[in-house]
Amino acid sequence: MPFMSTERYRGQSWEALALCADPQVDANLFLVESDDEKSRRRKQYERALAKQICAACPVKMECLNDAMLAGEHYTIRGGTTPRERTQNRESIIRELYGEDIPLVDLQRNPTQSKKRSQEFLRRPNGIQNAA
């Protein structure tokens, strides 16, 4: 089912309903690159834990949409890493907005494609206003 963007949920922003906003959840779990030296195994464990939290989150799709709009490069958002969002951009956009959206060829003109994709993502429900 395509993502249907709404700004508020019963008077709250979607961010307030995110599981990662709970003070008992360690926000550092969602950082892809951390300053402290951690073993590769520890980082993999934390990434898997963060993704499990995202999978259960009631506003996962809103978070993923926000990460795509912002071009977020440092944290796990909507259950995806920055690398996953970059590598799977088209399939994520289709997951958020449905199958019948005009995707541009990102290989031909990356600058123009990125601008057009961002404009599309900002439209409510991915639908152009008829002019």
Protein backbone atom coordinates (compact mmCIF):
# COMPACT_ATOMS: atom_id res chain seq x y z
CA MET A 1 0.00 0.00 0.00
CA PRO A 2 1.45 3.41 -0.92
CA PHE A 3 2.45 5.81 1.78
CA MET A 4 -0.13 8.48 2.50
CA SER A 5 1.54 11.50 3.99
CA THR A 6 -0.14 13.19 6.92
CA GLU A 7 1.42 15.90 9.01
CA ARG A 8 -0.22 15.23 12.35
CA TYR A 9 -1.51 12.27 14.30
CA ARG A 10 -4.10 13.18 16.90
CA GLY A 11 -2.42 16.51 17.58
CA GLN A 12 1.13 15.11 17.62
CA SER A 13 3.84 15.15 15.01
CA TRP A 14 4.75 11.74 13.64
CA GLU A 15 8.22 12.13 15.20
CA ALA A 16 6.68 12.09 18.69
CA LEU A 17 5.17 8.67 17.94
CA ALA A 18 8.42 7.11 16.72
CA LEU A 19 9.75 4.26 18.83
CA CYS A 20 13.25 5.73 18.63
CA ALA A 21 11.93 8.87 20.39
CA ASP A 22 11.42 6.85 23.57
CA PRO A 23 13.97 8.02 26.16
CA GLN A 24 14.74 4.38 26.98
CA VAL A 25 15.96 3.74 23.43
CA ASP A 26 19.64 4.52 22.85
CA ALA A 27 19.72 6.99 19.94
CA ASN A 28 23.30 5.93 19.16
CA LEU A 29 21.96 2.63 17.83
CA PHE A 30 20.70 4.52 14.79
CA LEU A 31 24.03 6.15 13.94
CA VAL A 32 25.68 4.45 10.99
CA GLU A 33 29.09 5.92 11.74
CA SER A 34 29.98 6.47 15.35
CA ASP A 35 32.98 8.26 16.84
CA ASP A 36 33.96 5.54 19.22
CA GLU A 37 35.87 2.52 18.03
CA LYS A 38 33.53 -0.45 17.98
CA SER A 39 34.16 -3.88 16.62
CA ARG A 40 32.55 -4.74 13.32
CA ARG A 41 30.47 -7.41 15.03
CA ARG A 42 29.17 -4.90 17.60
CA LYS A 43 28.19 -2.44 14.86
CA GLN A 44 26.36 -5.19 12.97
CA TYR A 45 24.49 -6.12 16.15
CA GLU A 46 23.48 -2.51 16.80
CA ARG A 47 22.38 -2.02 13.17
CA ALA A 48 20.22 -5.16 13.37
CA LEU A 49 18.72 -3.97 16.67
CA ALA A 50 17.94 -0.53 15.23
CA LYS A 51 16.26 -2.14 12.21
CA GLN A 52 14.15 -4.33 14.52
CA ILE A 53 12.98 -1.21 16.35
CA CYS A 54 12.15 0.42 13.02
CA ALA A 55 10.25 -2.65 11.82
CA ALA A 56 7.87 -2.37 14.78
CA CYS A 57 7.53 1.41 14.59
CA PRO A 58 4.05 2.78 13.77
CA VAL A 59 5.53 5.69 11.78
CA LYS A 60 8.22 3.78 9.87
CA MET A 61 7.00 4.97 6.46
CA GLU A 62 6.80 8.61 7.54
CA CYS A 63 10.37 8.34 8.80
CA LEU A 64 11.54 6.74 5.57
CA ASN A 65 9.81 9.45 3.54
CA ASP A 66 11.46 12.14 5.68
CA ALA A 67 14.88 10.54 5.22
CA MET A 68 14.40 10.42 1.45
CA LEU A 69 13.32 14.07 1.32
CA ALA A 70 16.19 15.23 3.50
CA GLY A 71 18.83 13.11 1.81
CA GLU A 72 19.79 11.85 5.28
CA HIS A 73 23.27 10.26 5.25
CA TYR A 74 24.14 9.45 8.86
CA THR A 75 21.41 7.41 10.52
CA ILE A 76 19.17 4.41 10.09
CA ARG A 77 15.74 5.78 9.22
CA GLY A 78 12.59 3.91 8.34
CA GLY A 79 14.50 0.65 8.74
CA THR A 80 17.10 1.52 6.11
CA THR A 81 20.72 2.62 6.15
CA PRO A 82 21.88 5.55 4.03
CA ARG A 83 23.56 3.11 1.64
CA GLU A 84 20.35 1.08 1.28
CA ARG A 85 18.35 4.24 0.58
CA THR A 86 20.83 5.25 -2.13
CA GLN A 87 21.08 1.81 -3.72
CA ASN A 88 17.32 1.15 -3.61
CA ARG A 89 16.01 4.66 -4.25
CA GLU A 90 13.58 3.75 -7.01
CA SER A 91 12.06 0.77 -5.19
CA ILE A 92 11.72 2.83 -2.00
CA ILE A 93 9.94 5.62 -3.87
CA ARG A 94 7.60 3.03 -5.40
CA GLU A 95 6.98 1.53 -1.95
CA LEU A 96 6.13 4.95 -0.54
CA TYR A 97 4.01 6.25 -3.41
CA GLY A 98 2.85 3.28 -5.45
CA GLU A 99 3.71 1.74 -8.80
CA ASP A 100 2.38 4.39 -11.17
CA ILE A 101 4.84 7.20 -10.59
CA PRO A 102 7.10 8.88 -13.13
CA LEU A 103 10.65 7.89 -12.21
CA VAL A 104 13.48 9.60 -14.03
CA ASP A 105 16.62 7.92 -15.28
CA LEU A 106 19.13 8.68 -12.54
CA GLN A 107 22.06 7.73 -14.79
CA ARG A 108 21.49 10.24 -17.60
CA ASN A 109 21.40 13.50 -15.67
CA PRO A 110 21.94 12.96 -11.93
CA THR A 111 21.60 16.63 -10.95
CA GLN A 112 18.33 17.16 -12.82
CA SER A 113 17.07 13.72 -11.79
CA LYS A 114 17.71 14.40 -8.12
CA LYS A 115 15.91 17.76 -8.36
CA ARG A 116 12.91 16.20 -10.15
CA SER A 117 12.78 13.30 -7.69
CA GLN A 118 12.84 15.68 -4.72
CA GLU A 119 10.07 17.77 -6.28
CA PHE A 120 8.02 14.61 -6.79
CA LEU A 121 8.60 13.42 -3.23
CA ARG A 122 7.38 16.75 -1.84
CA ARG A 123 4.00 16.46 -3.57
CA PRO A 124 1.17 15.17 -1.37
CA ASN A 125 0.74 11.48 -2.17
CA GLY A 126 3.02 11.94 -5.17
CA ILE A 127 0.21 13.41 -7.26
CA GLN A 128 0.77 16.44 -9.45
CA ASN A 129 -1.66 19.29 -9.24
CA ALA A 130 -3.56 19.60 -12.51
CA ALA A 131 -2.77 22.92 -14.13
